[in-house]
PDB file of N, CA and C in Angstrom:
ATOM      1  N   MET A   1      -3.187-340.605 -57.106  1.00  0.00           N
ATOM      2  CA  MET A   1      -3.490-338.958 -57.295  1.00  0.00           C
ATOM      3  C   MET A   1      -2.712-338.786 -58.152  1.00  0.00           C
ATOM      4  N   LYS A   2      -1.115-339.089 -58.215  1.00  0.00           N
ATOM      5  CA  LYS A   2      -0.177-338.626 -59.260  1.00  0.00           C
ATOM      6  C   LYS A   2      -0.419-338.862 -60.450  1.00  0.00           C
ATOM      7  N   ALA A   3      -1.096-340.060 -60.946  1.00  0.00           N
ATOM      8  CA  ALA A   3      -1.836-340.249 -62.233  1.00  0.00           C
ATOM      9  C   ALA A   3      -2.794-339.257 -62.472  1.00  0.00           C
ATOM     10  N   ASP A   4      -3.646-339.002 -61.749  1.00  0.00           N
ATOM     11  CA  ASP A   4      -4.702-337.910 -62.059  1.00  0.00           C
ATOM     12  C   ASP A   4      -4.070-336.579 -62.217  1.00  0.00           C
ATOM     13  N   ILE A   5      -3.038-336.138 -61.488  1.00  0.00           N
ATOM     14  CA  ILE A   5      -2.204-334.823 -61.913  1.00  0.00           C
ATOM     15  C   ILE A   5      -1.387-334.969 -63.242  1.00  0.00           C
ATOM     16  N   GLY A   6      -0.885-336.210 -63.486  1.00  0.00           N
ATOM     17  CA  GLY A   6      -0.200-336.445 -64.949  1.00  0.00           C
ATOM     18  C   GLY A   6      -1.166-335.995 -66.085  1.00  0.00           C
ATOM     19  N   SER A   7      -2.282-337.011 -65.610  1.00  0.00           N
ATOM     20  CA  SER A   7      -3.622-336.891 -66.941  1.00  0.00           C
ATOM     21  C   SER A   7      -3.797-335.473 -67.168  1.00  0.00           C
ATOM     22  N   LEU A   8      -4.025-334.756 -66.025  1.00  0.00           N
ATOM     23  CA  LEU A   8      -4.537-333.334 -66.045  1.00  0.00           C
ATOM     24  C   LEU A   8      -3.490-332.635 -66.798  1.00  0.00           C
ATOM     25  N   MET A   9      -2.175-332.657 -66.566  1.00  0.00           N
ATOM     26  CA  MET A   9      -1.091-331.970 -67.124  1.00  0.00           C
ATOM     27  C   MET A   9      -1.010-332.328 -68.899  1.00  0.00           C
ATOM     28  N   LYS A  10      -1.222-333.683 -69.181  1.00  0.00           N
ATOM     29  CA  LYS A  10      -1.526-334.162 -70.294  1.00  0.00           C
ATOM     30  C   LYS A  10      -2.422-333.360 -71.245  1.00  0.00           C
ATOM     31  N   GLN A  11      -3.686-333.180 -70.571  1.00  0.00           N
ATOM     32  CA  GLN A  11      -5.076-332.538 -71.168  1.00  0.00           C
ATOM     33  C   GLN A  11      -4.575-331.176 -71.322  1.00  0.00           C
ATOM     34  N   ALA A  12      -4.088-330.443 -70.468  1.00  0.00           N
ATOM     35  CA  ALA A  12      -3.596-329.211 -70.306  1.00  0.00           C
ATOM     36  C   ALA A  12      -2.637-329.046 -71.474  1.00  0.00           C
ATOM     37  N   GLN A  13      -1.619-329.705 -71.807  1.00  0.00           N
ATOM     38  CA  GLN A  13      -0.741-329.462 -72.896  1.00  0.00           C
ATOM     39  C   GLN A  13      -1.395-329.442 -74.163  1.00  0.00           C
ATOM     40  N   LYS A  14      -2.296-330.767 -74.430  1.00  0.00           N
ATOM     41  CA  LYS A  14      -2.881-330.711 -75.528  1.00  0.00           C
ATOM     42  C   LYS A  14      -3.917-329.576 -75.877  1.00  0.00           C
ATOM     43  N   MET A  15      -4.685-328.723 -74.663  1.00  0.00           N
ATOM     44  CA  MET A  15      -5.534-328.116 -74.890  1.00  0.00           C
ATOM     45  C   MET A  15      -4.737-326.603 -75.396  1.00  0.00           C
ATOM     46  N   GLN A  16      -3.618-326.465 -74.929  1.00  0.00           N
ATOM     47  CA  GLN A  16      -2.728-325.626 -75.158  1.00  0.00           C
ATOM     48  C   GLN A  16      -2.260-325.771 -76.788  1.00  0.00           C
ATOM     49  N   ALA A  17      -1.646-326.980 -77.132  1.00  0.00           N
ATOM     50  CA  ALA A  17      -1.351-327.139 -78.508  1.00  0.00           C
ATOM     51  C   ALA A  17      -2.662-326.980 -79.511  1.00  0.00           C
ATOM     52  N   GLU A  18      -3.822-327.254 -78.894  1.00  0.00           N
ATOM     53  CA  GLU A  18      -5.050-327.018 -80.113  1.00  0.00           C
ATOM     54  C   GLU A  18      -5.139-325.344 -79.775  1.00  0.00           C
ATOM     55  N   MET A  19      -4.925-324.805 -78.840  1.00  0.00           N
ATOM     56  CA  MET A  19      -5.474-323.353 -78.861  1.00  0.00           C
ATOM     57  C   MET A  19      -4.589-322.570 -79.737  1.00  0.00           C
ATOM     58  N   GLN A  20      -2.963-323.028 -79.797  1.00  0.00           N
ATOM     59  CA  GLN A  20      -2.343-322.415 -80.570  1.00  0.00           C
ATOM     60  C   GLN A  20      -2.648-322.602 -82.194  1.00  0.00           C
ATOM     61  N   LYS A  21      -2.695-323.843 -82.352  1.00  0.00           N
ATOM     62  CA  LYS A  21      -3.157-324.029 -83.767  1.00  0.00           C
ATOM     63  C   LYS A  21      -4.236-323.404 -84.261  1.00  0.00           C
ATOM     64  N   ALA A  22      -5.208-323.188 -83.423  1.00  0.00           N
ATOM     65  CA  ALA A  22      -6.652-322.556 -83.738  1.00  0.00           C
ATOM     66  C   ALA A  22      -6.074-320.929 -84.135  1.00  0.00           C
ATOM     67  N   GLN A  23      -5.278-320.645 -83.097  1.00  0.00           N
ATOM     68  CA  GLN A  23      -4.764-318.894 -83.197  1.00  0.00           C
ATOM     69  C   GLN A  23      -4.150-318.589 -84.452  1.00  0.00           C
ATOM     70  N   GLU A  24      -3.528-319.803 -85.032  1.00  0.00           N
ATOM     71  CA  GLU A  24      -2.492-319.459 -86.108  1.00  0.00           C
ATOM     72  C   GLU A  24      -3.492-319.968 -87.356  1.00  0.00           C
ATOM     73  N   GLN A  25      -4.244-320.552 -87.337  1.00  0.00           N
ATOM     74  CA  GLN A  25      -5.508-320.471 -88.480  1.00  0.00           C
ATOM     75  C   GLN A  25      -6.268-319.006 -88.651  1.00  0.00           C
ATOM     76  N   LEU A  26      -6.931-318.949 -87.325  1.00  0.00           N
ATOM     77  CA  LEU A  26      -7.538-317.520 -87.438  1.00  0.00           C
ATOM     78  C   LEU A  26      -6.611-316.193 -88.194  1.00  0.00           C
ATOM     79  N   ALA A  27      -5.371-316.451 -87.630  1.00  0.00           N
ATOM     80  CA  ALA A  27      -4.551-315.299 -87.953  1.00  0.00           C
ATOM     81  C   ALA A  27      -4.616-315.323 -89.522  1.00  0.00           C
ATOM     82  N   ALA A  28      -4.927-316.256 -90.216  1.00  0.00           N
ATOM     83  CA  ALA A  28      -4.661-316.482 -91.798  1.00  0.00           C
ATOM     84  C   ALA A  28      -5.847-316.171 -92.532  1.00  0.00           C
ATOM     85  N   ILE A  29      -7.064-316.165 -91.727  1.00  0.00           N
ATOM     86  CA  ILE A  29      -8.570-315.968 -92.032  1.00  0.00           C
ATOM     87  C   ILE A  29      -8.635-314.459 -92.235  1.00  0.00           C
ATOM     88  N   GLU A  30      -9.158-313.697 -93.256  1.00  0.00           N
ATOM     89  CA  GLU A  30      -9.456-312.500 -93.582  1.00  0.00           C
ATOM     90  C   GLU A  30     -11.121-312.326 -93.747  1.00  0.00           C
ATOM     91  N   VAL A  31     -11.739-311.097 -93.085  1.00  0.00           N
ATOM     92  CA  VAL A  31     -13.142-310.887 -92.969  1.00  0.00           C
ATOM     93  C   VAL A  31     -13.106-309.340 -93.660  1.00  0.00           C
ATOM     94  N   THR A  32     -14.099-308.819 -94.375  1.00  0.00           N
ATOM     95  CA  THR A  32     -14.248-307.644 -95.094  1.00  0.00           C
ATOM     96  C   THR A  32     -15.751-307.085 -94.430  1.00  0.00           C
ATOM     97  N   GLY A  33     -15.474-306.135 -93.658  1.00  0.00           N
ATOM     98  CA  GLY A  33     -16.748-305.056 -93.237  1.00  0.00           C
ATOM     99  C   GLY A  33     -17.086-304.174 -94.089  1.00  0.00           C
ATOM    100  N   GLU A  34     -18.265-303.615 -94.359  1.00  0.00           N
ATOM    101  CA  GLU A  34     -18.751-302.514 -95.246  1.00  0.00           C
ATOM    102  C   GLU A  34     -19.559-301.960 -94.504  1.00  0.00           C
ATOM    103  N   ALA A  35     -19.560-300.627 -94.843  1.00  0.00           N
ATOM    104  CA  ALA A  35     -20.470-299.430 -94.357  1.00  0.00           C
ATOM    105  C   ALA A  35     -20.663-298.555 -95.822  1.00  0.00           C
ATOM    106  N   GLY A  36     -21.437-297.868 -95.447  1.00  0.00           N
ATOM    107  CA  GLY A  36     -22.187-296.949 -96.199  1.00  0.00           C
ATOM    108  C   GLY A  36     -22.463-297.351 -97.689  1.00  0.00           C
ATOM    109  N   GLY A  37     -23.328-298.498 -97.348  1.00  0.00           N
ATOM    110  CA  GLY A  37     -23.739-299.265 -98.759  1.00  0.00           C
ATOM    111  C   GLY A  37     -22.487-299.954 -99.788  1.00  0.00           C
ATOM    112  N   GLY A  38     -21.264-300.077 -98.911  1.00  0.00           N
ATOM    113  CA  GLY A  38     -20.414-300.824 -99.881  1.00  0.00           C
ATOM    114  C   GLY A  38     -19.393-299.730-100.159  1.00  0.00           C
ATOM    115  N   LEU A  39     -19.474-298.291 -99.858  1.00  0.00           N
ATOM    116  CA  LEU A  39     -18.678-297.251-100.241  1.00  0.00           C
ATOM    117  C   LEU A  39     -17.524-297.246 -99.533  1.00  0.00           C
ATOM    118  N   VAL A  40     -17.301-297.981 -98.094  1.00  0.00           N
ATOM    119  CA  VAL A  40     -16.267-298.015 -97.480  1.00  0.00           C
ATOM    120  C   VAL A  40     -16.194-299.741 -96.947  1.00  0.00           C
ATOM    121  N   LYS A  41     -15.003-300.185 -97.408  1.00  0.00           N
ATOM    122  CA  LYS A  41     -14.515-301.522 -97.176  1.00  0.00           C
ATOM    123  C   LYS A  41     -13.245-301.746 -96.124  1.00  0.00           C
ATOM    124  N   LEU A  42     -13.454-302.347 -95.102  1.00  0.00           N
ATOM    125  CA  LEU A  42     -12.110-302.450 -94.254  1.00  0.00           C
ATOM    126  C   LEU A  42     -12.188-304.093 -94.011  1.00  0.00           C
ATOM    127  N   THR A  43     -10.974-304.663 -94.575  1.00  0.00           N
ATOM    128  CA  THR A  43     -10.289-306.199 -94.518  1.00  0.00           C
ATOM    129  C   THR A  43      -9.363-306.180 -93.399  1.00  0.00           C
ATOM    130  N   MET A  44      -9.783-307.049 -92.413  1.00  0.00           N
ATOM    131  CA  MET A  44      -9.204-307.437 -91.355  1.00  0.00           C
ATOM    132  C   MET A  44      -9.068-308.797 -90.896  1.00  0.00           C
ATOM    133  N   THR A  45      -7.946-309.218 -90.103  1.00  0.00           N
ATOM    134  CA  THR A  45      -7.671-310.688 -90.020  1.00  0.00           C
ATOM    135  C   THR A  45      -8.411-310.973 -88.672  1.00  0.00           C
ATOM    136  N   CYS A  46      -8.798-312.223 -88.521  1.00  0.00           N
ATOM    137  CA  CYS A  46      -9.192-312.582 -87.154  1.00  0.00           C
ATOM    138  C   CYS A  46      -8.363-312.625 -86.141  1.00  0.00           C
ATOM    139  N   LYS A  47      -7.043-311.897 -86.251  1.00  0.00           N
ATOM    140  CA  LYS A  47      -6.536-311.585 -85.248  1.00  0.00           C
ATOM    141  C   LYS A  47      -6.192-310.009 -85.013  1.00  0.00           C
ATOM    142  N   HIS A  48      -7.386-309.423 -85.654  1.00  0.00           N
ATOM    143  CA  HIS A  48      -7.746-307.912 -85.352  1.00  0.00           C
ATOM    144  C   HIS A  48      -6.306-307.130 -86.023  1.00  0.00           C
ATOM    145  N   GLU A  49      -6.034-307.590 -87.038  1.00  0.00           N
ATOM    146  CA  GLU A  49      -4.965-306.618 -87.709  1.00  0.00           C
ATOM    147  C   GLU A  49      -5.366-306.547 -88.976  1.00  0.00           C
ATOM    148  N   VAL A  50      -5.630-304.951 -89.275  1.00  0.00           N
ATOM    149  CA  VAL A  50      -6.469-304.436 -90.100  1.00  0.00           C
ATOM    150  C   VAL A  50      -5.336-304.854 -91.357  1.00  0.00           C
ATOM    151  N   ARG A  51      -5.750-305.354 -92.698  1.00  0.00           N
ATOM    152  CA  ARG A  51      -5.019-305.283 -93.628  1.00  0.00           C
ATOM    153  C   ARG A  51      -5.231-304.141 -94.943  1.00  0.00           C
ATOM    154  N   GLY A  52      -6.658-303.936 -94.918  1.00  0.00           N
ATOM    155  CA  GLY A  52      -6.770-302.845 -96.130  1.00  0.00           C
ATOM    156  C   GLY A  52      -8.131-302.102 -95.906  1.00  0.00           C
ATOM    157  N   VAL A  53      -8.044-300.826 -96.435  1.00  0.00           N
ATOM    158  CA  VAL A  53      -8.958-299.943 -96.475  1.00  0.00           C
ATOM    159  C   VAL A  53      -9.260-299.757 -97.923  1.00  0.00           C
ATOM    160  N   ARG A  54     -10.674-299.654 -98.369  1.00  0.00           N
ATOM    161  CA  ARG A  54     -11.090-299.114 -99.528  1.00  0.00           C
ATOM    162  C   ARG A  54     -12.189-298.563 -99.409  1.00  0.00           C
ATOM    163  N   ILE A  55     -11.896-297.110-100.007  1.00  0.00           N
ATOM    164  CA  ILE A  55     -12.914-295.875 -99.933  1.00  0.00           C
ATOM    165  C   ILE A  55     -13.453-295.394-101.325  1.00  0.00           C
ATOM    166  N   ASP A  56     -14.538-295.691-101.634  1.00  0.00           N
ATOM    167  CA  ASP A  56     -15.453-295.266-103.106  1.00  0.00           C
ATOM    168  C   ASP A  56     -15.044-293.697-103.463  1.00  0.00           C
ATOM    169  N   PRO A  57     -14.210-293.525-104.534  1.00  0.00           N
ATOM    170  CA  PRO A  57     -13.599-292.497-104.812  1.00  0.00           C
ATOM    171  C   PRO A  57     -14.495-291.073-104.897  1.00  0.00           C
ATOM    172  N   SER A  58     -16.163-291.696-104.947  1.00  0.00           N
ATOM    173  CA  SER A  58     -16.972-290.474-104.708  1.00  0.00           C
ATOM    174  C   SER A  58     -17.090-289.829-103.569  1.00  0.00           C
ATOM    175  N   LEU A  59     -16.049-290.497-102.650  1.00  0.00           N
ATOM    176  CA  LEU A  59     -16.383-289.865-100.764  1.00  0.00           C
ATOM    177  C   LEU A  59     -15.252-289.178-101.134  1.00  0.00           C
ATOM    178  N   VAL A  60     -14.119-289.070-101.527  1.00  0.00           N
ATOM    179  CA  VAL A  60     -12.617-288.324-101.170  1.00  0.00           C
ATOM    180  C   VAL A  60     -12.346-287.618-102.486  1.00  0.00           C
ATOM    181  N   GLY A  61     -11.168-286.813-102.341  1.00  0.00           N
ATOM    182  CA  GLY A  61     -10.600-286.094-103.315  1.00  0.00           C
ATOM    183  C   GLY A  61      -9.855-287.189-104.226  1.00  0.00           C
ATOM    184  N   ASP A  62      -8.361-286.626-104.463  1.00  0.00           N
ATOM    185  CA  ASP A  62      -7.492-286.884-105.633  1.00  0.00           C
ATOM    186  C   ASP A  62      -6.748-288.181-104.478  1.00  0.00           C
ATOM    187  N   ASP A  63      -6.308-287.564-103.305  1.00  0.00           N
ATOM    188  CA  ASP A  63      -5.434-288.172-102.929  1.00  0.00           C
ATOM    189  C   ASP A  63      -6.036-289.870-101.546  1.00  0.00           C
ATOM    190  N   ARG A  64      -6.675-290.479-102.378  1.00  0.00           N
ATOM    191  CA  ARG A  64      -7.659-291.480-101.558  1.00  0.00           C
ATOM    192  C   ARG A  64      -6.710-292.277-101.187  1.00  0.00           C
ATOM    193  N   GLU A  65      -5.585-292.748-101.773  1.00  0.00           N
ATOM    194  CA  GLU A  65      -4.686-293.837-101.929  1.00  0.00           C
ATOM    195  C   GLU A  65      -3.985-293.344-100.166  1.00  0.00           C
ATOM    196  N   MET A  66      -3.646-292.388-100.128  1.00  0.00           N
ATOM    197  CA  MET A  66      -2.771-291.824 -98.615  1.00  0.00           C
ATOM    198  C   MET A  66      -3.867-291.972 -97.695  1.00  0.00           C
ATOM    199  N   LEU A  67      -5.154-291.370 -97.905  1.00  0.00           N
ATOM    200  CA  LEU A  67      -6.285-291.821 -96.989  1.00  0.00           C
ATOM    201  C   LEU A  67      -6.318-292.948 -96.353  1.00  0.00           C
ATOM    202  N   GLU A  68      -6.314-293.710 -97.261  1.00  0.00           N
ATOM    203  CA  GLU A  68      -6.575-295.447 -96.842  1.00  0.00           C
ATOM    204  C   GLU A  68      -5.371-295.994 -96.032  1.00  0.00           C
ATOM    205  N   ASP A  69      -4.063-295.435 -96.550  1.00  0.00           N
ATOM    206  CA  ASP A  69      -2.978-295.949 -95.685  1.00  0.00           C
ATOM    207  C   ASP A  69      -2.947-295.500 -94.375  1.00  0.00           C
ATOM    208  N   VAL A  70      -3.199-294.169 -94.504  1.00  0.00           N
ATOM    209  CA  VAL A  70      -3.258-293.586 -92.606  1.00  0.00           C
ATOM    210  C   VAL A  70      -4.356-294.134 -92.072  1.00  0.00           C
ATOM    211  N   LEU A  71      -5.537-294.590 -92.964  1.00  0.00           N
ATOM    212  CA  LEU A  71      -6.382-295.168 -91.770  1.00  0.00           C
ATOM    213  C   LEU A  71      -6.211-296.513 -91.342  1.00  0.00           C
ATOM    214  N   VAL A  72      -5.715-297.443 -92.220  1.00  0.00           N
ATOM    215  CA  VAL A  72      -4.823-298.846 -91.572  1.00  0.00           C
ATOM    216  C   VAL A  72      -4.016-298.357 -90.664  1.00  0.00           C
ATOM    217  N   ALA A  73      -2.868-297.871 -90.800  1.00  0.00           N
ATOM    218  CA  ALA A  73      -1.974-297.154 -89.816  1.00  0.00           C
ATOM    219  C   ALA A  73      -2.902-297.293 -88.749  1.00  0.00           C
ATOM    220  N   ALA A  74      -3.755-296.170 -88.371  1.00  0.00           N
ATOM    221  CA  ALA A  74      -4.634-295.623 -87.417  1.00  0.00           C
ATOM    222  C   ALA A  74      -5.031-296.921 -86.547  1.00  0.00           C
ATOM    223  N   PHE A  75      -5.963-297.611 -87.535  1.00  0.00           N
ATOM    224  CA  PHE A  75      -6.702-298.804 -86.780  1.00  0.00           C
ATOM    225  C   PHE A  75      -5.522-299.973 -86.427  1.00  0.00           C
ATOM    226  N   ASN A  76      -4.557-300.339 -87.150  1.00  0.00           N
ATOM    227  CA  ASN A  76      -3.754-301.075 -86.326  1.00  0.00           C
ATOM    228  C   ASN A  76      -2.908-300.291 -84.969  1.00  0.00           C
ATOM    229  N   ASP A  77      -2.665-299.255 -84.826  1.00  0.00           N
ATOM    230  CA  ASP A  77      -2.429-298.756 -83.728  1.00  0.00           C
ATOM    231  C   ASP A  77      -3.342-298.643 -82.573  1.00  0.00           C
ATOM    232  N   ALA A  78      -4.462-298.482 -83.266  1.00  0.00           N
ATOM    233  CA  ALA A  78      -5.467-298.549 -81.834  1.00  0.00           C
ATOM    234  C   ALA A  78      -5.634-300.113 -81.433  1.00  0.00           C
ATOM    235  N   LEU A  79      -5.482-300.726 -82.181  1.00  0.00           N
ATOM    236  CA  LEU A  79      -5.657-301.989 -82.038  1.00  0.00           C
ATOM    237  C   LEU A  79      -4.407-302.511 -81.088  1.00  0.00           C
ATOM    238  N   ARG A  80      -3.356-302.383 -81.360  1.00  0.00           N
ATOM    239  CA  ARG A  80      -2.308-302.613 -80.568  1.00  0.00           C
ATOM    240  C   ARG A  80      -2.247-301.803 -79.263  1.00  0.00           C
ATOM    241  N   LYS A  81      -2.620-300.617 -79.078  1.00  0.00           N
ATOM    242  CA  LYS A  81      -3.138-300.320 -77.964  1.00  0.00           C
ATOM    243  C   LYS A  81      -4.098-300.867 -76.802  1.00  0.00           C
ATOM    244  N   VAL A  82      -5.148-301.521 -77.705  1.00  0.00           N
ATOM    245  CA  VAL A  82      -6.092-302.167 -76.882  1.00  0.00           C
ATOM    246  C   VAL A  82      -5.395-303.663 -76.440  1.00  0.00           C
ATOM    247  N   GLU A  83      -4.711-304.242 -77.271  1.00  0.00           N
ATOM    248  CA  GLU A  83      -4.230-305.344 -76.533  1.00  0.00           C
ATOM    249  C   GLU A  83      -3.003-305.085 -75.747  1.00  0.00           C
ATOM    250  N   ARG A  84      -2.291-304.132 -75.525  1.00  0.00           N
ATOM    251  CA  ARG A  84      -1.392-303.828 -74.406  1.00  0.00           C
ATOM    252  C   ARG A  84      -2.363-303.240 -73.268  1.00  0.00           C
ATOM    253  N   THR A  85      -3.519-302.806 -73.382  1.00  0.00           N
ATOM    254  CA  THR A  85      -4.136-302.034 -72.338  1.00  0.00           C
ATOM    255  C   THR A  85      -4.785-303.441 -71.640  1.00  0.00           C
ATOM    256  N   VAL A  86      -5.370-304.472 -72.437  1.00  0.00           N
ATOM    257  CA  VAL A  86      -5.621-305.582 -71.868  1.00  0.00           C
ATOM    258  C   VAL A  86      -4.786-306.705 -71.208  1.00  0.00           C
ATOM    259  N   GLN A  87      -3.397-306.529 -71.665  1.00  0.00           N
ATOM    260  CA  GLN A  87      -2.704-307.266 -71.298  1.00  0.00           C
ATOM    261  C   GLN A  87      -2.063-306.499 -69.767  1.00  0.00           C
ATOM    262  N   ASP A  88      -2.222-305.452 -69.528  1.00  0.00           N
ATOM    263  CA  ASP A  88      -1.697-304.596 -68.527  1.00  0.00           C
ATOM    264  C   ASP A  88      -2.761-304.915 -67.105  1.00  0.00           C
ATOM    265  N   ARG A  89      -3.996-304.926 -67.764  1.00  0.00           N
ATOM    266  CA  ARG A  89      -5.082-304.963 -66.677  1.00  0.00           C
ATOM    267  C   ARG A  89      -5.097-306.594 -66.365  1.00  0.00           C
ATOM    268  N   LEU A  90      -5.174-307.409 -67.307  1.00  0.00           N
ATOM    269  CA  LEU A  90      -4.967-308.912 -66.676  1.00  0.00           C
ATOM    270  C   LEU A  90      -3.797-309.284 -66.343  1.00  0.00           C
ATOM    271  N   GLY A  91      -2.524-308.870 -66.401  1.00  0.00           N
ATOM    272  CA  GLY A  91      -1.208-309.090 -65.991  1.00  0.00           C
ATOM    273  C   GLY A  91      -1.283-309.643 -64.702  1.00  0.00           C
ATOM    274  N   GLY A  92      -1.900-308.700 -63.969  1.00  0.00           N
ATOM    275  CA  GLY A  92      -2.178-309.190 -62.143  1.00  0.00           C
ATOM    276  C   GLY A  92      -2.743-310.355 -61.984  1.00  0.00           C
ATOM    277  N   VAL A  93      -3.941-310.467 -62.611  1.00  0.00           N
ATOM    278  CA  VAL A  93      -4.865-311.430 -62.421  1.00  0.00           C
ATOM    279  C   VAL A  93      -4.175-312.832 -62.834  1.00  0.00           C
ATOM    280  N   THR A  94      -3.476-312.785 -64.068  1.00  0.00           N
ATOM    281  CA  THR A  94      -2.748-313.852 -64.580  1.00  0.00           C
ATOM    282  C   THR A  94      -1.553-314.661 -63.757  1.00  0.00           C
ATOM    283  N   ALA A  95      -0.559-313.437 -63.411  1.00  0.00           N
ATOM    284  CA  ALA A  95       0.577-313.542 -62.774  1.00  0.00           C
ATOM    285  C   ALA A  95       0.565-314.644 -61.871  1.00  0.00           C
ATOM    286  N   GLY A  96      -0.476-315.476 -61.007  1.00  0.00           N
ATOM    287  CA  GLY A  96      -0.259-316.308 -60.213  1.00  0.00           C
ATOM    288  C   GLY A  96      -0.195-317.778 -60.998  1.00  0.00           C
ATOM    289  N   LEU A  97      -0.664-317.828 -61.907  1.00  0.00           N
ATOM    290  CA  LEU A  97      -1.216-318.844 -62.811  1.00  0.00           C
ATOM    291  C   LEU A  97       0.053-319.751 -63.649  1.00  0.00           C
ATOM    292  N   GLY A  98       0.965-319.025 -63.110  1.00  0.00           N
ATOM    293  CA  GLY A  98       2.184-319.582 -64.108  1.00  0.00           C
ATOM    294  C   GLY A  98       2.042-319.738 -65.533  1.00  0.00           C
TER     295      GLY A  98
END
């Protein structure tokens, strides 16, 4: 029985290491979403971090760059709040798991 528990622990540690490696790889991958036939493009990592927003000049006036920066900040703020909310809600569920 002790050998089974030791084997399970090794498997769990291996899975945890593989999961961490996969998460690190995902953080480096970027995807680009488009809307309006390509008039608006948003680049985000697979860890939900917005890296950039591009808005076609035909959609806005002279201060396009400031609008893009503000949109990036707002997206990232919302994503952080989502992550915090999920952690708060799931914290009680996972507390007993160690």
